[in-house]
Amino acid sequence: MLQTALEHIESEQDFEETLASNENVMICCGRMGPMCLPVYDVMDALTPTYPNVAFRDMAFDEPVGKTIRSLPETAGFAGLPFTVYFKHGKVVAATSSIQTMEQVTTILDEHFGAQD
């Protein structure tokens, strides 16, 4: 399990339940490393600003990580973390490697609606 302030997805059942019970989901699948930590921090900071988005993390090297690693949208990714955005259970965006606050909010606003 990752040591972040985010809610964790620890099983395939958690993954499926998260997508089924939330219209908008952002999942960061990574490790506790220098490319991933800034993304987790951005997600944690944005949680109060985007109450309509379920922000979750997932351990890349755990069996559950396969749910993200095996997506067609992440097939060509090389850098961690793999960050995937879902709307109604469907992938609407996916990125790899470090992301800034601005990059993340641009995707959130485009796919999930801008926040005031």
Protein backbone atom coordinates (compact mmCIF):
# COMPACT_ATOMS: atom_id res chain seq x y z
CA MET A 1 0.00 0.00 0.00
CA LEU A 2 1.20 3.49 -0.81
CA GLN A 3 1.83 5.92 2.03
CA THR A 4 -0.19 8.91 0.81
CA ALA A 5 -3.09 10.95 2.15
CA LEU A 6 -5.27 9.69 -0.73
CA GLU A 7 -7.77 6.87 -0.60
CA HIS A 8 -6.17 3.68 -1.85
CA ILE A 9 -7.40 1.10 -4.33
CA GLU A 10 -6.01 -2.17 -3.05
CA SER A 11 -7.95 -4.79 -5.00
CA GLU A 12 -9.70 -5.31 -8.29
CA GLN A 13 -12.98 -5.19 -6.35
CA ASP A 14 -12.01 -1.76 -4.92
CA PHE A 15 -11.23 -0.62 -8.48
CA GLU A 16 -14.57 -1.80 -9.85
CA GLU A 17 -16.53 -0.36 -6.91
CA THR A 18 -14.77 2.99 -7.21
CA LEU A 19 -15.66 3.27 -10.90
CA ALA A 20 -19.22 2.07 -10.31
CA SER A 21 -19.95 4.45 -7.44
CA ASN A 22 -18.26 7.63 -8.76
CA GLU A 23 -19.01 9.49 -11.99
CA ASN A 24 -15.53 11.08 -12.16
CA VAL A 25 -12.41 9.26 -11.03
CA MET A 26 -8.70 10.07 -11.19
CA ILE A 27 -6.36 7.17 -10.36
CA CYS A 28 -2.62 7.56 -10.01
CA CYS A 29 -0.88 4.19 -10.27
CA GLY A 30 2.69 4.48 -9.07
CA ARG A 31 5.31 4.02 -6.40
CA MET A 32 6.68 6.13 -3.55
CA GLY A 33 9.26 7.73 -5.85
CA PRO A 34 10.31 11.17 -7.11
CA MET A 35 8.11 11.13 -10.22
CA CYS A 36 5.00 9.94 -8.37
CA LEU A 37 5.08 11.90 -5.10
CA PRO A 38 4.38 15.29 -6.75
CA VAL A 39 1.32 13.85 -8.50
CA TYR A 40 -0.04 12.43 -5.23
CA ASP A 41 0.52 15.87 -3.61
CA VAL A 42 -1.34 17.62 -6.45
CA MET A 43 -4.25 15.20 -6.12
CA ASP A 44 -4.40 15.68 -2.35
CA ALA A 45 -4.32 19.46 -2.74
CA LEU A 46 -7.11 19.39 -5.35
CA THR A 47 -9.45 17.11 -3.40
CA PRO A 48 -11.36 19.97 -1.69
CA THR A 49 -11.52 21.99 -4.92
CA TYR A 50 -13.01 19.13 -6.99
CA PRO A 51 -15.63 17.45 -4.76
CA ASN A 52 -17.11 15.84 -7.87
CA VAL A 53 -13.93 13.81 -8.47
CA ALA A 54 -12.84 10.68 -6.60
CA PHE A 55 -9.05 10.93 -6.26
CA ARG A 56 -7.41 7.55 -5.67
CA ASP A 57 -3.97 6.00 -5.71
CA MET A 58 -2.90 2.47 -6.59
CA ALA A 59 0.39 0.64 -6.07
CA PHE A 60 1.99 -0.06 -9.45
CA ASP A 61 3.78 -3.23 -8.32
CA GLU A 62 0.84 -4.84 -6.53
CA PRO A 63 -1.49 -7.24 -8.39
CA VAL A 64 -4.20 -4.55 -8.53
CA GLY A 65 -1.85 -2.37 -10.62
CA LYS A 66 -2.59 -4.67 -13.53
CA THR A 67 -6.02 -3.02 -13.88
CA ILE A 68 -4.26 0.20 -14.94
CA ARG A 69 -1.16 -1.30 -16.57
CA SER A 70 -3.28 -3.46 -18.90
CA LEU A 71 -5.48 -0.65 -20.26
CA PRO A 72 -5.05 0.05 -23.99
CA GLU A 73 -4.60 3.74 -23.09
CA THR A 74 -1.47 2.96 -21.02
CA ALA A 75 0.07 0.38 -23.38
CA GLY A 76 2.83 2.69 -24.61
CA PHE A 77 3.63 4.30 -21.27
CA ALA A 78 7.18 4.02 -19.95
CA GLY A 79 7.39 6.54 -17.10
CA LEU A 80 5.69 6.36 -13.73
CA PRO A 81 3.15 7.17 -12.55
CA PHE A 82 0.38 6.07 -14.87
CA THR A 83 -2.52 8.47 -14.23
CA VAL A 84 -5.90 7.61 -15.66
CA TYR A 85 -9.08 9.69 -15.65
CA PHE A 86 -12.45 7.91 -15.85
CA LYS A 87 -15.93 9.32 -16.52
CA HIS A 88 -18.84 6.91 -16.04
CA GLY A 89 -16.31 4.06 -15.87
CA LYS A 90 -14.73 4.89 -19.25
CA VAL A 91 -11.22 6.23 -19.77
CA VAL A 92 -11.32 9.86 -20.94
CA ALA A 93 -7.63 10.71 -20.48
CA ALA A 94 -4.38 9.06 -19.46
CA THR A 95 -0.90 10.45 -18.77
CA SER A 96 2.44 9.09 -17.69
CA SER A 97 5.30 10.61 -15.74
CA ILE A 98 5.23 13.63 -13.47
CA GLN A 99 2.36 16.08 -13.88
CA THR A 100 2.09 19.62 -12.58
CA MET A 101 -0.93 21.16 -10.89
CA GLU A 102 -1.68 23.05 -14.10
CA GLN A 103 -1.52 19.91 -16.25
CA VAL A 104 -3.82 18.01 -13.89
CA THR A 105 -6.36 20.83 -13.55
CA THR A 106 -6.47 21.26 -17.32
CA ILE A 107 -7.50 17.62 -17.72
CA LEU A 108 -9.94 17.77 -14.79
CA ASP A 109 -11.59 20.92 -16.15
CA GLU A 110 -11.80 19.55 -19.69
CA HIS A 111 -13.36 16.23 -18.75
CA PHE A 112 -15.09 16.82 -15.42
CA GLY A 113 -16.00 20.53 -15.52
CA ALA A 114 -14.14 23.58 -14.23
CA GLN A 115 -14.49 24.38 -10.54
CA ASP A 116 -15.08 27.88 -9.16
